[in-house]
Amino acid sequence: MVETIAAIKLATEAGMDLVEISPNNNPPVCKIMDYGKFKFQSQKKAAEARKKQKIVEIKEIKLRPMIDDHDYDVKMRAMKRFFEEGDKVKITLRYRGREMAHQDIGTKLLDKVKSEVAEIAKVEQDAKFEGRQVVMVLAPR
């Protein structure tokens, strides 16, 4: 432990700066180093951390109650790929015309989707009606 004035004197003799590393400690920790270089290194570290961040997007998959088996399989493959990439999936089930009278078909379809992706995704927002469509949001586990 060195007095502040003595530490500043040592730093100027060495042609460097006295940089406070952790001000919350008691006493605060300081290092004798080139401040410009220190600032540059910390900026580089922050930029590297930002680069590694993954922005979670919400991908939308649109379904219809009377969807065919093959079309359903294609949509499920896309959905699984989105989960592997770490994205959330918004499933929109749109009813047209008289399909509104058979909402149980749509409910069964959404339950089927939920059960198929249960091990790789969790329900973030359960199915709810928005006019003529039902919206459900799934997030990867």
Protein backbone atom coordinates (compact mmCIF):
# COMPACT_ATOMS: atom_id res chain seq x y z
CA MET A 1 0.00 0.00 0.00
CA VAL A 2 1.48 3.27 -1.21
CA GLU A 3 0.27 6.82 -0.57
CA THR A 4 -1.51 8.48 -3.51
CA ILE A 5 1.03 11.30 -3.88
CA ALA A 6 3.95 8.86 -3.83
CA ALA A 7 2.22 6.64 -6.40
CA ILE A 8 1.60 9.60 -8.75
CA LYS A 9 5.26 10.60 -8.39
CA LEU A 10 6.39 7.04 -9.23
CA ALA A 11 4.13 7.00 -12.29
CA THR A 12 5.38 10.32 -13.66
CA GLU A 13 9.01 9.22 -13.15
CA ALA A 14 8.25 6.09 -15.20
CA GLY A 15 6.57 8.23 -17.89
CA MET A 16 3.22 6.49 -17.27
CA ASP A 17 -0.16 7.24 -15.65
CA LEU A 18 -1.66 6.12 -12.35
CA VAL A 19 -4.87 4.29 -13.37
CA GLU A 20 -7.55 3.38 -10.84
CA ILE A 21 -8.57 -0.24 -11.52
CA SER A 22 -11.24 -0.92 -8.89
CA PRO A 23 -12.45 2.20 -7.06
CA ASN A 24 -14.96 0.32 -4.86
CA ASN A 25 -12.31 -1.55 -2.86
CA ASN A 26 -10.95 -0.19 0.38
CA PRO A 27 -8.29 1.08 -0.32
CA PRO A 28 -8.90 1.56 -4.08
CA VAL A 29 -6.64 -0.49 -6.37
CA CYS A 30 -4.47 1.45 -8.83
CA LYS A 31 -1.87 0.46 -11.42
CA ILE A 32 0.95 2.33 -13.07
CA MET A 33 0.35 2.00 -16.82
CA ASP A 34 -0.23 3.91 -20.06
CA TYR A 35 -3.82 5.17 -19.81
CA GLY A 36 -4.30 5.52 -23.58
CA LYS A 37 -3.33 1.89 -24.09
CA PHE A 38 -5.58 0.80 -21.21
CA LYS A 39 -8.55 2.68 -22.73
CA PHE A 40 -7.89 1.12 -26.15
CA GLN A 41 -7.73 -2.41 -24.70
CA SER A 42 -10.99 -1.95 -22.78
CA GLN A 43 -12.74 -0.64 -25.93
CA LYS A 44 -11.46 -3.65 -27.86
CA LYS A 45 -12.78 -6.01 -25.16
CA ALA A 46 -16.20 -4.33 -25.22
CA ALA A 47 -16.38 -4.54 -29.04
CA GLU A 48 -15.45 -8.24 -28.92
CA ALA A 49 -18.20 -8.89 -26.35
CA ARG A 50 -20.75 -7.08 -28.53
CA LYS A 51 -19.71 -9.14 -31.54
CA LYS A 52 -20.34 -12.40 -29.69
CA GLN A 53 -23.86 -11.39 -28.59
CA LYS A 54 -26.78 -13.11 -30.31
CA ILE A 55 -29.77 -10.94 -31.09
CA VAL A 56 -32.88 -13.07 -30.52
CA GLU A 57 -35.28 -12.60 -33.39
CA ILE A 58 -38.91 -13.62 -33.55
CA LYS A 59 -39.60 -15.72 -36.63
CA GLU A 60 -43.19 -16.16 -37.73
CA ILE A 61 -44.74 -19.37 -39.03
CA LYS A 62 -48.24 -19.11 -40.49
CA LEU A 63 -50.53 -22.12 -40.36
CA ARG A 64 -54.09 -22.90 -41.43
CA PRO A 65 -56.42 -25.33 -39.63
CA MET A 66 -56.73 -27.66 -42.64
CA ILE A 67 -52.97 -27.80 -43.38
CA ASP A 68 -51.77 -30.86 -45.32
CA ASP A 69 -49.32 -33.35 -43.72
CA HIS A 70 -46.39 -32.51 -46.01
CA ASP A 71 -46.88 -28.75 -45.62
CA TYR A 72 -47.02 -29.25 -41.85
CA ASP A 73 -43.74 -31.25 -41.92
CA VAL A 74 -42.02 -28.49 -43.92
CA LYS A 75 -43.17 -25.86 -41.41
CA MET A 76 -42.00 -28.04 -38.48
CA ARG A 77 -38.53 -28.46 -40.05
CA ALA A 78 -38.26 -24.68 -40.44
CA MET A 79 -39.43 -24.19 -36.85
CA LYS A 80 -36.82 -26.63 -35.50
CA ARG A 81 -34.11 -24.85 -37.51
CA PHE A 82 -35.17 -21.51 -35.96
CA PHE A 83 -34.93 -23.01 -32.46
CA GLU A 84 -31.43 -24.36 -33.21
CA GLU A 85 -30.38 -20.85 -34.25
CA GLY A 86 -31.70 -19.56 -30.91
CA ASP A 87 -34.67 -17.62 -32.30
CA LYS A 88 -38.19 -17.44 -30.92
CA VAL A 89 -41.07 -18.60 -33.11
CA LYS A 90 -44.46 -16.92 -33.36
CA ILE A 91 -47.07 -19.33 -34.69
CA THR A 92 -50.04 -17.66 -36.35
CA LEU A 93 -53.03 -19.87 -37.05
CA ARG A 94 -55.39 -18.03 -39.37
CA TYR A 95 -59.03 -18.99 -39.79
CA ARG A 96 -60.79 -18.09 -43.05
CA GLY A 97 -64.49 -18.14 -43.81
CA ARG A 98 -66.40 -20.99 -42.18
CA GLU A 99 -63.27 -22.37 -40.47
CA MET A 100 -64.24 -20.18 -37.49
CA ALA A 101 -67.05 -22.66 -36.78
CA HIS A 102 -64.46 -25.45 -36.31
CA GLN A 103 -61.99 -23.88 -33.91
CA ASP A 104 -61.38 -27.28 -32.29
CA ILE A 105 -59.38 -28.35 -35.39
CA GLY A 106 -57.05 -25.37 -34.92
CA THR A 107 -56.72 -26.05 -31.20
CA LYS A 108 -55.76 -29.68 -31.90
CA LEU A 109 -53.18 -28.49 -34.46
CA LEU A 110 -51.58 -26.10 -31.95
CA ASP A 111 -51.53 -28.83 -29.29
CA LYS A 112 -49.80 -31.13 -31.82
CA VAL A 113 -47.18 -28.44 -32.52
CA LYS A 114 -46.63 -27.92 -28.75
CA SER A 115 -46.14 -31.62 -28.10
CA GLU A 116 -43.75 -32.07 -31.06
CA VAL A 117 -41.41 -29.27 -29.97
CA ALA A 118 -41.81 -29.84 -26.20
CA GLU A 119 -38.24 -31.11 -25.71
CA ILE A 120 -36.56 -28.28 -27.68
CA ALA A 121 -38.87 -25.34 -26.93
CA LYS A 122 -41.12 -23.93 -24.25
CA VAL A 123 -44.34 -21.95 -24.56
CA GLU A 124 -43.61 -18.29 -23.87
CA GLN A 125 -47.08 -16.98 -24.72
CA ASP A 126 -49.96 -19.41 -24.81
CA ALA A 127 -52.43 -19.46 -27.72
CA LYS A 128 -54.75 -16.47 -27.69
CA PHE A 129 -57.26 -15.11 -30.17
CA GLU A 130 -56.60 -11.90 -32.07
CA GLY A 131 -59.59 -11.45 -34.34
CA ARG A 132 -59.69 -14.30 -36.87
CA GLN A 133 -56.31 -15.70 -35.86
CA VAL A 134 -54.71 -17.46 -32.91
CA VAL A 135 -51.18 -16.43 -31.92
CA MET A 136 -48.74 -18.50 -29.84
CA VAL A 137 -45.07 -17.72 -29.09
CA LEU A 138 -42.50 -20.48 -28.45
CA ALA A 139 -38.94 -19.92 -27.22
CA PRO A 140 -35.98 -22.33 -27.41
CA ARG A 141 -35.01 -24.15 -24.19
